């Protein structure tokens, strides 16, 4: 069986999820310069995709359209970063990541050797980097197949609808999401991708 067929067959054991698991998904990429992708994720938090793209474009333009080195980012004055549309908080978080990368001599190779939970524990030490941000990084930049993000609003909404859950009691709702998702292991990332696509009307 191909890798696609393996996760599709596994996820289809869940009768509710079965309704939305259709065509194979694009292969999860393992990208380079993960630390810079973390900075990009911070910049795009709480913004629409379009606005995030505009700000990211302005950010790269500061460095001649190329991906900057962490030291270059650290040397960029806060007012310059504010001028491209970043809030004060985001400016300090962006600098925090750049500083962390330099101090820790962080490389892609080092992150790839870590388990999912090790990556989360390691990167959430940076002020401004939360668990959700690292979960997205694990999925879309480190190609990890078994990540579930219970705090992602899109996932919460899709599962509430698909499984007809009552979200009134937040604590109980979260426990239920984790229980349901446990069945999808070791392919929880793919289940999340189907849920997002279904919620966005792509399935």
N, C-alpha and C. Protein backbone atom coordinates (compact mmCIF):
# COMPACT_ATOMS: atom_id res chain seq x y z
N UNK A 1 0.84 -1.21 0.00
CA UNK A 1 0.00 0.00 0.00
C UNK A 1 0.87 1.26 0.00
N UNK A 2 0.40 2.28 -0.68
CA UNK A 2 1.13 3.55 -0.66
C UNK A 2 0.89 4.23 0.68
N UNK A 3 1.76 5.20 1.05
CA UNK A 3 1.52 5.93 2.31
C UNK A 3 0.13 6.57 2.37
N UNK A 4 -0.34 7.07 1.20
CA UNK A 4 -1.69 7.66 1.14
C UNK A 4 -2.75 6.64 1.54
N UNK A 5 -2.65 5.47 0.92
CA UNK A 5 -3.67 4.44 1.16
C UNK A 5 -3.69 4.00 2.63
N UNK A 6 -2.50 3.98 3.26
CA UNK A 6 -2.41 3.55 4.65
C UNK A 6 -3.18 4.50 5.56
N UNK A 7 -2.93 5.82 5.46
CA UNK A 7 -3.63 6.74 6.37
C UNK A 7 -5.11 6.88 6.02
N UNK A 8 -5.45 6.80 4.74
CA UNK A 8 -6.86 6.89 4.35
C UNK A 8 -7.64 5.70 4.93
N UNK A 9 -7.08 4.53 4.77
CA UNK A 9 -7.73 3.31 5.29
C UNK A 9 -7.89 3.40 6.82
N UNK A 10 -6.86 3.88 7.49
CA UNK A 10 -6.90 3.98 8.95
C UNK A 10 -7.96 5.00 9.41
N UNK A 11 -7.96 6.16 8.80
CA UNK A 11 -8.90 7.22 9.22
C UNK A 11 -10.35 6.87 8.89
N UNK A 12 -10.54 6.06 7.87
CA UNK A 12 -11.91 5.69 7.48
C UNK A 12 -12.56 4.70 8.46
N UNK A 13 -11.78 4.19 9.41
CA UNK A 13 -12.37 3.32 10.44
C UNK A 13 -13.30 4.12 11.35
N UNK A 14 -13.08 5.43 11.39
CA UNK A 14 -13.95 6.33 12.16
C UNK A 14 -15.15 6.66 11.25
N UNK A 15 -16.32 6.16 11.64
CA UNK A 15 -17.51 6.27 10.77
C UNK A 15 -17.89 7.72 10.43
N UNK A 16 -17.71 8.62 11.39
CA UNK A 16 -18.04 10.03 11.12
C UNK A 16 -16.99 10.67 10.21
N UNK A 17 -15.74 10.41 10.53
CA UNK A 17 -14.65 11.00 9.74
C UNK A 17 -14.65 10.44 8.31
N UNK A 18 -15.10 9.22 8.19
CA UNK A 18 -15.17 8.52 6.90
C UNK A 18 -15.86 9.38 5.83
N UNK A 19 -16.89 10.14 6.28
CA UNK A 19 -17.67 10.96 5.33
C UNK A 19 -16.82 12.03 4.64
N UNK A 20 -15.74 12.46 5.30
CA UNK A 20 -14.97 13.57 4.72
C UNK A 20 -13.56 13.14 4.25
N UNK A 21 -13.19 11.89 4.51
CA UNK A 21 -11.88 11.41 4.05
C UNK A 21 -12.04 10.92 2.61
N UNK A 22 -11.56 11.72 1.68
CA UNK A 22 -11.77 11.35 0.27
C UNK A 22 -10.44 11.17 -0.43
N UNK A 23 -10.11 12.09 -1.29
CA UNK A 23 -8.89 11.96 -2.09
C UNK A 23 -7.64 12.10 -1.22
N UNK A 24 -6.54 11.51 -1.67
CA UNK A 24 -5.28 11.67 -0.93
C UNK A 24 -4.89 13.15 -0.83
N UNK A 25 -4.25 13.50 0.24
CA UNK A 25 -3.81 14.89 0.46
C UNK A 25 -2.41 15.08 -0.12
N UNK A 26 -2.04 16.34 -0.30
CA UNK A 26 -0.68 16.63 -0.77
C UNK A 26 0.32 16.12 0.27
N UNK A 27 1.47 15.72 -0.20
CA UNK A 27 2.51 15.21 0.71
C UNK A 27 2.95 16.32 1.65
N UNK A 28 3.11 15.99 2.94
CA UNK A 28 3.57 16.98 3.91
C UNK A 28 5.03 17.33 3.63
N UNK A 29 5.33 18.61 3.49
CA UNK A 29 6.71 18.96 3.17
C UNK A 29 7.60 19.00 4.42
N UNK A 30 8.88 18.75 4.21
CA UNK A 30 9.88 19.02 5.26
C UNK A 30 10.70 20.18 4.70
N UNK A 31 10.53 21.34 5.30
CA UNK A 31 11.13 22.55 4.74
C UNK A 31 12.43 22.93 5.44
N UNK A 32 13.14 23.86 4.80
CA UNK A 32 14.40 24.35 5.38
C UNK A 32 14.14 25.66 6.12
N UNK A 33 15.14 26.05 6.92
CA UNK A 33 15.10 27.32 7.64
C UNK A 33 13.86 27.42 8.52
N UNK A 34 13.65 26.39 9.33
CA UNK A 34 12.45 26.29 10.15
C UNK A 34 12.32 27.46 11.12
N UNK A 35 13.45 27.95 11.65
CA UNK A 35 13.41 29.07 12.60
C UNK A 35 12.77 30.30 11.96
N UNK A 36 13.09 30.54 10.69
CA UNK A 36 12.50 31.70 10.02
C UNK A 36 11.01 31.49 9.78
N UNK A 37 10.63 30.23 9.55
CA UNK A 37 9.19 29.92 9.37
C UNK A 37 8.45 30.20 10.68
N UNK A 38 9.13 29.99 11.81
CA UNK A 38 8.53 30.27 13.11
C UNK A 38 8.25 31.77 13.24
N UNK A 39 9.18 32.57 12.77
CA UNK A 39 9.00 34.03 12.78
C UNK A 39 7.82 34.41 11.88
N UNK A 40 7.73 33.76 10.72
CA UNK A 40 6.60 34.01 9.82
C UNK A 40 5.26 33.66 10.47
N UNK A 41 5.25 32.55 11.21
CA UNK A 41 4.01 32.14 11.91
C UNK A 41 3.59 33.16 12.94
N UNK A 42 4.57 33.70 13.68
CA UNK A 42 4.26 34.71 14.70
C UNK A 42 3.69 35.96 14.04
N UNK A 43 4.30 36.36 12.92
CA UNK A 43 3.84 37.57 12.24
C UNK A 43 2.40 37.43 11.74
N UNK A 44 2.02 36.20 11.37
CA UNK A 44 0.69 36.00 10.78
C UNK A 44 -0.41 35.71 11.80
N UNK A 45 -0.05 35.58 13.07
CA UNK A 45 -1.06 35.27 14.10
C UNK A 45 -2.17 36.32 14.13
N UNK A 46 -3.40 35.86 14.23
CA UNK A 46 -4.60 36.70 14.35
C UNK A 46 -4.79 37.66 13.16
N UNK A 47 -4.23 37.28 12.03
CA UNK A 47 -4.42 38.10 10.82
C UNK A 47 -5.04 37.22 9.74
N UNK A 48 -5.73 37.86 8.81
CA UNK A 48 -6.25 37.09 7.68
C UNK A 48 -5.06 36.69 6.81
N UNK A 49 -5.24 35.66 6.00
CA UNK A 49 -4.15 35.17 5.15
C UNK A 49 -3.62 36.28 4.25
N UNK A 50 -4.54 37.08 3.71
CA UNK A 50 -4.14 38.14 2.77
C UNK A 50 -3.25 39.19 3.45
N UNK A 51 -3.69 39.64 4.63
CA UNK A 51 -2.92 40.65 5.38
C UNK A 51 -1.57 40.08 5.79
N UNK A 52 -1.59 38.81 6.23
CA UNK A 52 -0.33 38.16 6.65
C UNK A 52 0.66 38.10 5.48
N UNK A 53 0.15 37.81 4.29
CA UNK A 53 1.02 37.73 3.11
C UNK A 53 1.64 39.09 2.77
N UNK A 54 0.82 40.14 2.92
CA UNK A 54 1.30 41.51 2.64
C UNK A 54 2.44 41.86 3.61
N UNK A 55 2.22 41.59 4.91
CA UNK A 55 3.22 41.93 5.92
C UNK A 55 4.49 41.10 5.72
N UNK A 56 4.31 39.83 5.40
CA UNK A 56 5.48 38.97 5.17
C UNK A 56 6.27 39.45 3.96
N UNK A 57 5.57 39.92 2.94
CA UNK A 57 6.23 40.47 1.75
C UNK A 57 7.04 41.71 2.10
N UNK A 58 6.45 42.57 2.94
CA UNK A 58 7.17 43.79 3.38
C UNK A 58 8.40 43.42 4.21
N UNK A 59 8.24 42.37 5.02
CA UNK A 59 9.34 41.91 5.88
C UNK A 59 10.53 41.46 5.02
N UNK A 60 10.25 40.62 4.01
CA UNK A 60 11.33 40.15 3.13
C UNK A 60 11.95 41.30 2.34
N UNK A 61 11.12 42.28 2.00
CA UNK A 61 11.61 43.44 1.23
C UNK A 61 12.68 44.23 2.01
N UNK A 62 12.59 44.17 3.34
CA UNK A 62 13.61 44.85 4.18
C UNK A 62 14.99 44.26 3.93
N UNK A 63 15.02 43.01 3.46
CA UNK A 63 16.30 42.30 3.28
C UNK A 63 16.52 41.96 1.80
N UNK A 64 16.04 42.85 0.95
CA UNK A 64 16.25 42.67 -0.49
C UNK A 64 15.52 41.49 -1.08
N UNK A 65 14.39 41.11 -0.42
CA UNK A 65 13.57 40.01 -0.94
C UNK A 65 14.09 38.62 -0.59
N UNK A 66 15.20 38.57 0.15
CA UNK A 66 15.78 37.27 0.53
C UNK A 66 15.44 36.95 1.99
N UNK A 67 15.50 35.66 2.33
CA UNK A 67 15.27 35.27 3.73
C UNK A 67 16.45 35.76 4.57
N UNK A 68 16.18 36.56 5.60
CA UNK A 68 17.29 37.09 6.40
C UNK A 68 17.87 36.06 7.36
N UNK A 69 19.09 36.31 7.78
CA UNK A 69 19.71 35.51 8.84
C UNK A 69 19.20 36.03 10.19
N UNK A 70 19.18 35.19 11.22
CA UNK A 70 18.70 35.65 12.53
C UNK A 70 19.40 36.93 13.02
N UNK A 71 20.71 37.02 12.78
CA UNK A 71 21.44 38.22 13.25
C UNK A 71 20.94 39.48 12.53
N UNK A 72 20.61 39.34 11.23
CA UNK A 72 20.07 40.49 10.48
C UNK A 72 18.75 40.96 11.09
N UNK A 73 17.93 39.99 11.50
CA UNK A 73 16.63 40.32 12.10
C UNK A 73 16.85 41.04 13.43
N UNK A 74 17.80 40.52 14.20
CA UNK A 74 18.10 41.11 15.51
C UNK A 74 18.65 42.53 15.36
N UNK A 75 19.37 42.77 14.27
CA UNK A 75 19.96 44.10 14.02
C UNK A 75 18.95 45.09 13.45
N UNK A 76 17.76 44.60 13.10
CA UNK A 76 16.74 45.49 12.54
C UNK A 76 16.03 46.24 13.68
N UNK A 77 16.07 47.57 13.68
CA UNK A 77 15.46 48.33 14.79
C UNK A 77 13.96 48.04 14.91
N UNK A 78 13.44 48.04 16.16
CA UNK A 78 12.01 47.79 16.38
C UNK A 78 11.11 48.71 15.55
N UNK A 79 11.51 49.99 15.41
CA UNK A 79 10.64 50.93 14.66
C UNK A 79 10.53 50.55 13.19
N UNK A 80 11.60 49.94 12.64
CA UNK A 80 11.56 49.48 11.24
C UNK A 80 10.54 48.34 11.10
N UNK A 81 10.54 47.43 12.08
CA UNK A 81 9.59 46.31 12.04
C UNK A 81 8.16 46.79 12.30
N UNK A 82 8.03 47.79 13.16
CA UNK A 82 6.67 48.34 13.40
C UNK A 82 6.14 48.99 12.13
N UNK A 83 7.03 49.60 11.37
CA UNK A 83 6.62 50.33 10.15
C UNK A 83 6.04 49.40 9.07
N UNK A 84 6.36 48.09 9.14
CA UNK A 84 5.79 47.18 8.12
C UNK A 84 4.43 46.62 8.57
N UNK A 85 4.00 47.01 9.79
CA UNK A 85 2.66 46.61 10.24
C UNK A 85 2.64 45.66 11.41
N UNK A 86 3.80 45.45 12.06
CA UNK A 86 3.81 44.56 13.23
C UNK A 86 3.50 45.34 14.51
N UNK A 87 2.78 44.70 15.41
CA UNK A 87 2.50 45.32 16.71
C UNK A 87 3.76 45.30 17.57
N UNK A 88 3.77 46.09 18.64
CA UNK A 88 4.92 46.11 19.57
C UNK A 88 5.22 44.70 20.08
N UNK A 89 4.15 43.98 20.46
CA UNK A 89 4.32 42.62 21.01
C UNK A 89 4.98 41.72 19.97
N UNK A 90 4.50 41.77 18.74
CA UNK A 90 5.05 40.90 17.70
C UNK A 90 6.50 41.24 17.38
N UNK A 91 6.83 42.53 17.43
CA UNK A 91 8.23 42.93 17.19
C UNK A 91 9.14 42.27 18.23
N UNK A 92 8.71 42.31 19.50
CA UNK A 92 9.56 41.72 20.55
C UNK A 92 9.61 40.20 20.40
N UNK A 93 8.50 39.57 19.98
CA UNK A 93 8.50 38.11 19.79
C UNK A 93 9.42 37.70 18.65
N UNK A 94 9.38 38.47 17.57
CA UNK A 94 10.24 38.18 16.40
C UNK A 94 11.72 38.27 16.81
N UNK A 95 12.04 39.31 17.58
CA UNK A 95 13.42 39.44 18.08
C UNK A 95 13.77 38.31 19.04
N UNK A 96 12.79 37.90 19.87
CA UNK A 96 13.03 36.79 20.81
C UNK A 96 13.42 35.51 20.07
N UNK A 97 12.70 35.21 18.98
CA UNK A 97 13.00 33.99 18.20
C UNK A 97 14.41 34.09 17.61
N UNK A 98 14.71 35.23 17.00
CA UNK A 98 16.03 35.41 16.37
C UNK A 98 17.14 35.24 17.41
N UNK A 99 16.93 35.82 18.59
CA UNK A 99 17.93 35.74 19.67
C UNK A 99 18.11 34.28 20.12
N UNK A 100 16.98 33.59 20.27
CA UNK A 100 16.99 32.18 20.70
C UNK A 100 17.77 31.31 19.72
N UNK A 101 17.52 31.53 18.44
CA UNK A 101 18.19 30.74 17.38
C UNK A 101 19.71 30.93 17.46
N UNK A 102 20.13 32.18 17.67
CA UNK A 102 21.56 32.48 17.75
C UNK A 102 22.17 31.87 19.02
N UNK A 103 21.52 32.12 20.15
CA UNK A 103 22.06 31.64 21.44
C UNK A 103 22.12 30.12 21.51
N UNK A 104 21.09 29.48 20.96
CA UNK A 104 21.00 28.01 21.02
C UNK A 104 21.71 27.32 19.86
N UNK A 105 22.23 28.16 18.92
CA UNK A 105 22.83 27.60 17.69
C UNK A 105 21.87 26.59 17.04
N UNK A 106 20.62 27.02 16.92
CA UNK A 106 19.56 26.12 16.47
C UNK A 106 19.65 25.85 14.97
N UNK A 107 19.57 24.57 14.61
CA UNK A 107 19.61 24.18 13.20
C UNK A 107 18.39 23.32 12.87
N UNK A 108 18.08 23.23 11.59
CA UNK A 108 17.00 22.36 11.14
C UNK A 108 17.28 20.91 11.54
N UNK A 109 18.54 20.51 11.38
CA UNK A 109 18.92 19.11 11.67
C UNK A 109 18.63 18.76 13.13
N UNK A 110 18.89 19.72 14.01
CA UNK A 110 18.65 19.47 15.44
C UNK A 110 17.17 19.28 15.72
N UNK A 111 16.34 20.11 15.12
CA UNK A 111 14.89 19.99 15.32
C UNK A 111 14.36 18.67 14.77
N UNK A 112 14.90 18.27 13.63
CA UNK A 112 14.41 17.03 12.99
C UNK A 112 14.69 15.80 13.83
N UNK A 113 15.74 15.88 14.66
CA UNK A 113 16.09 14.73 15.51
C UNK A 113 15.18 14.62 16.74
N UNK A 114 14.48 15.70 17.07
CA UNK A 114 13.65 15.71 18.28
C UNK A 114 12.29 15.07 18.04
N UNK A 115 11.69 14.53 19.11
CA UNK A 115 10.31 14.03 19.02
C UNK A 115 9.38 15.24 18.98
N UNK A 116 8.11 14.99 18.65
CA UNK A 116 7.13 16.08 18.58
C UNK A 116 7.07 16.85 19.90
N UNK A 117 6.94 16.13 21.00
CA UNK A 117 6.82 16.79 22.31
C UNK A 117 8.10 17.52 22.71
N UNK A 118 9.23 17.00 22.30
CA UNK A 118 10.51 17.69 22.58
C UNK A 118 10.56 19.02 21.84
N UNK A 119 10.12 19.02 20.59
CA UNK A 119 10.10 20.27 19.80
C UNK A 119 9.18 21.29 20.47
N UNK A 120 8.00 20.83 20.90
CA UNK A 120 7.03 21.73 21.55
C UNK A 120 7.62 22.31 22.84
N UNK A 121 8.18 21.44 23.69
CA UNK A 121 8.75 21.91 24.96
C UNK A 121 9.91 22.88 24.73
N UNK A 122 10.70 22.60 23.71
CA UNK A 122 11.89 23.41 23.41
C UNK A 122 11.51 24.79 22.89
N UNK A 123 10.65 24.83 21.88
CA UNK A 123 10.34 26.12 21.23
C UNK A 123 9.37 26.99 22.03
N UNK A 124 8.54 26.38 22.87
CA UNK A 124 7.62 27.21 23.68
C UNK A 124 8.35 27.88 24.84
N UNK A 125 9.64 27.61 24.98
CA UNK A 125 10.45 28.37 25.95
C UNK A 125 10.61 29.82 25.49
N UNK A 126 10.42 30.06 24.20
CA UNK A 126 10.58 31.41 23.65
C UNK A 126 9.32 32.22 23.97
N UNK A 127 9.49 33.38 24.58
CA UNK A 127 8.33 34.22 24.90
C UNK A 127 7.65 34.66 23.60
N UNK A 128 6.35 34.38 23.50
CA UNK A 128 5.60 34.72 22.30
C UNK A 128 5.32 33.52 21.40
N UNK A 129 5.93 32.38 21.73
CA UNK A 129 5.69 31.17 20.94
C UNK A 129 4.85 30.21 21.78
N UNK A 130 3.62 29.98 21.33
CA UNK A 130 2.72 29.09 22.05
C UNK A 130 2.67 27.71 21.41
N UNK A 131 1.97 26.84 22.08
CA UNK A 131 1.89 25.44 21.61
C UNK A 131 1.28 25.34 20.21
N UNK A 132 0.21 26.11 19.94
CA UNK A 132 -0.45 26.05 18.63
C UNK A 132 0.53 26.38 17.51
N UNK A 133 1.34 27.43 17.72
CA UNK A 133 2.31 27.85 16.69
C UNK A 133 3.28 26.72 16.38
N UNK A 134 3.74 26.03 17.43
CA UNK A 134 4.70 24.94 17.23
C UNK A 134 4.02 23.73 16.58
N UNK A 135 2.76 23.50 16.93
CA UNK A 135 2.02 22.40 16.29
C UNK A 135 1.91 22.61 14.78
N UNK A 136 1.64 23.86 14.37
CA UNK A 136 1.55 24.17 12.93
C UNK A 136 2.92 23.97 12.26
N UNK A 137 3.96 24.35 12.98
CA UNK A 137 5.32 24.19 12.48
C UNK A 137 5.65 22.70 12.28
N UNK A 138 5.27 21.90 13.26
CA UNK A 138 5.51 20.45 13.18
C UNK A 138 4.79 19.84 11.98
N UNK A 139 3.55 20.28 11.77
CA UNK A 139 2.77 19.73 10.65
C UNK A 139 3.34 20.15 9.30
N UNK A 140 3.46 21.47 9.13
CA UNK A 140 3.67 22.00 7.77
C UNK A 140 5.11 22.33 7.41
N UNK A 141 6.01 22.26 8.38
CA UNK A 141 7.42 22.53 8.07
C UNK A 141 8.34 21.37 8.44
N UNK A 142 7.91 20.55 9.41
CA UNK A 142 8.73 19.39 9.78
C UNK A 142 8.08 18.08 9.31
N UNK A 143 6.90 18.18 8.66
CA UNK A 143 6.28 17.01 8.04
C UNK A 143 5.84 15.92 9.00
N UNK A 144 5.49 16.29 10.24
CA UNK A 144 5.10 15.27 11.23
C UNK A 144 3.64 14.86 11.02
N UNK A 145 3.39 13.56 11.03
CA UNK A 145 2.07 13.04 10.64
C UNK A 145 1.09 12.86 11.79
N UNK A 146 1.57 12.96 13.03
CA UNK A 146 0.68 12.61 14.14
C UNK A 146 0.49 13.77 15.13
N UNK A 147 0.15 14.94 14.60
CA UNK A 147 -0.08 16.11 15.45
C UNK A 147 -1.57 16.43 15.47
N UNK A 148 -2.09 16.62 16.67
CA UNK A 148 -3.48 17.07 16.82
C UNK A 148 -3.44 18.41 17.55
N UNK A 149 -4.23 19.36 17.06
CA UNK A 149 -4.21 20.71 17.63
C UNK A 149 -5.59 21.07 18.21
N UNK A 150 -5.84 20.67 19.47
CA UNK A 150 -7.18 20.88 20.04
C UNK A 150 -7.56 22.33 20.25
N UNK A 151 -6.56 23.23 20.25
CA UNK A 151 -6.86 24.65 20.47
C UNK A 151 -7.07 25.42 19.17
N UNK A 152 -6.99 24.72 18.06
CA UNK A 152 -7.21 25.38 16.77
C UNK A 152 -8.72 25.57 16.57
N UNK A 153 -9.11 26.81 16.33
CA UNK A 153 -10.55 27.13 16.23
C UNK A 153 -11.23 26.37 15.09
N UNK A 154 -10.55 26.28 13.95
CA UNK A 154 -11.12 25.55 12.80
C UNK A 154 -11.37 24.08 13.10
N UNK A 155 -10.43 23.46 13.79
CA UNK A 155 -10.57 22.04 14.18
C UNK A 155 -11.74 21.89 15.16
N UNK A 156 -11.80 22.79 16.13
CA UNK A 156 -12.90 22.74 17.12
C UNK A 156 -14.26 22.84 16.43
N UNK A 157 -14.37 23.81 15.52
CA UNK A 157 -15.66 24.03 14.83
C UNK A 157 -16.03 22.84 13.96
N UNK A 158 -15.05 22.32 13.22
CA UNK A 158 -15.32 21.20 12.31
C UNK A 158 -15.74 19.95 13.09
N UNK A 159 -15.04 19.66 14.20
CA UNK A 159 -15.38 18.46 14.98
C UNK A 159 -16.72 18.61 15.69
N UNK A 160 -17.00 19.83 16.16
CA UNK A 160 -18.29 20.08 16.83
C UNK A 160 -19.44 19.78 15.87
N UNK A 161 -19.26 20.19 14.62
CA UNK A 161 -20.28 19.99 13.60
C UNK A 161 -20.38 18.52 13.17
N UNK A 162 -19.23 17.93 12.89
CA UNK A 162 -19.19 16.57 12.37
C UNK A 162 -19.68 15.54 13.40
N UNK A 163 -19.30 15.75 14.66
CA UNK A 163 -19.64 14.77 15.71
C UNK A 163 -20.84 15.22 16.56
N UNK A 164 -21.44 16.36 16.14
CA UNK A 164 -22.62 16.91 16.85
C UNK A 164 -22.33 17.04 18.36
N UNK A 165 -21.27 17.76 18.66
CA UNK A 165 -20.86 17.95 20.06
C UNK A 165 -21.46 19.23 20.63
N UNK A 166 -21.53 19.28 21.95
CA UNK A 166 -22.00 20.49 22.63
C UNK A 166 -20.77 21.22 23.18
N UNK A 167 -20.46 22.39 22.63
CA UNK A 167 -19.25 23.09 23.06
C UNK A 167 -19.43 23.97 24.30
N UNK A 168 -20.63 23.93 24.91
CA UNK A 168 -20.93 24.84 26.03
C UNK A 168 -19.93 24.71 27.18
N UNK A 169 -19.67 23.48 27.59
CA UNK A 169 -18.69 23.26 28.66
C UNK A 169 -17.31 23.09 28.01
N UNK A 170 -16.52 24.16 28.06
CA UNK A 170 -15.25 24.17 27.31
C UNK A 170 -14.30 23.05 27.72
N UNK A 171 -14.22 22.82 29.03
CA UNK A 171 -13.28 21.81 29.53
C UNK A 171 -13.69 20.41 29.04
N UNK A 172 -14.99 20.13 29.16
CA UNK A 172 -15.53 18.83 28.74
C UNK A 172 -15.39 18.64 27.22
N UNK A 173 -15.63 19.73 26.51
CA UNK A 173 -15.55 19.72 25.04
C UNK A 173 -14.13 19.36 24.60
N UNK A 174 -13.14 19.96 25.26
CA UNK A 174 -11.74 19.70 24.91
C UNK A 174 -11.37 18.23 25.18
N UNK A 175 -11.84 17.72 26.31
CA UNK A 175 -11.59 16.30 26.66
C UNK A 175 -12.16 15.39 25.57
N UNK A 176 -13.37 15.74 25.11
CA UNK A 176 -14.04 14.93 24.08
C UNK A 176 -13.26 14.98 22.76
N UNK A 177 -12.76 16.15 22.40
CA UNK A 177 -11.96 16.28 21.17
C UNK A 177 -10.73 15.38 21.23
N UNK A 178 -10.07 15.40 22.39
CA UNK A 178 -8.86 14.58 22.56
C UNK A 178 -9.19 13.08 22.50
N UNK A 179 -10.32 12.72 23.10
CA UNK A 179 -10.75 11.30 23.07
C UNK A 179 -11.01 10.84 21.64
N UNK A 180 -11.75 11.65 20.90
CA UNK A 180 -12.09 11.29 19.51
C UNK A 180 -10.83 11.21 18.65
N UNK A 181 -9.92 12.15 18.85
CA UNK A 181 -8.72 12.21 18.00
C UNK A 181 -7.74 11.08 18.30
N UNK A 182 -7.82 10.53 19.51
CA UNK A 182 -6.89 9.45 19.89
C UNK A 182 -6.98 8.27 18.92
N UNK A 183 -8.19 8.05 18.38
CA UNK A 183 -8.41 6.93 17.45
C UNK A 183 -7.69 7.13 16.12
N UNK A 184 -7.37 8.37 15.81
CA UNK A 184 -6.75 8.66 14.52
C UNK A 184 -5.23 8.44 14.52
N UNK A 185 -4.64 8.33 15.69
CA UNK A 185 -3.18 8.13 15.77
C UNK A 185 -2.81 6.86 14.99
N UNK A 186 -1.69 6.82 14.30
CA UNK A 186 -0.62 7.83 14.24
C UNK A 186 -0.73 8.78 13.03
N UNK A 187 -1.96 9.10 12.65
CA UNK A 187 -2.16 9.96 11.46
C UNK A 187 -3.04 11.18 11.77
N UNK A 188 -2.87 11.72 12.96
CA UNK A 188 -3.77 12.81 13.37
C UNK A 188 -3.59 14.09 12.54
N UNK A 189 -2.37 14.32 12.05
CA UNK A 189 -2.16 15.51 11.20
C UNK A 189 -3.07 15.45 9.98
N UNK A 190 -3.13 14.28 9.34
CA UNK A 190 -3.96 14.14 8.12
C UNK A 190 -5.44 14.32 8.45
N UNK A 191 -5.87 13.82 9.61
CA UNK A 191 -7.27 14.01 10.03
C UNK A 191 -7.56 15.51 10.17
N UNK A 192 -6.63 16.25 10.77
CA UNK A 192 -6.81 17.71 10.91
C UNK A 192 -6.92 18.37 9.54
N UNK A 193 -6.10 17.92 8.61
CA UNK A 193 -6.12 18.52 7.27
C UNK A 193 -7.46 18.27 6.57
N UNK A 194 -8.01 17.06 6.75
CA UNK A 194 -9.33 16.79 6.17
C UNK A 194 -10.40 17.67 6.84
N UNK A 195 -10.30 17.84 8.14
CA UNK A 195 -11.28 18.65 8.88
C UNK A 195 -11.22 20.12 8.41
N UNK A 196 -10.02 20.65 8.26
CA UNK A 196 -9.90 22.03 7.78
C UNK A 196 -10.49 22.17 6.36
N UNK A 197 -10.15 21.23 5.49
CA UNK A 197 -10.63 21.30 4.11
C UNK A 197 -12.15 21.21 4.07
N UNK A 198 -12.71 20.34 4.89
CA UNK A 198 -14.18 20.17 4.94
C UNK A 198 -14.84 21.45 5.45
N UNK A 199 -14.27 22.03 6.50
CA UNK A 199 -14.82 23.27 7.08
C UNK A 199 -14.77 24.40 6.06
N UNK A 200 -13.70 24.44 5.26
CA UNK A 200 -13.54 25.52 4.27
C UNK A 200 -14.29 25.22 2.96
N UNK A 201 -15.06 24.12 2.97
CA UNK A 201 -15.86 23.82 1.78
C UNK A 201 -15.08 23.21 0.63
N UNK A 202 -13.85 22.74 0.92
CA UNK A 202 -13.02 22.15 -0.15
C UNK A 202 -13.33 20.67 -0.35
N UNK A 203 -14.05 20.08 0.61
CA UNK A 203 -14.45 18.65 0.46
C UNK A 203 -15.96 18.60 0.37
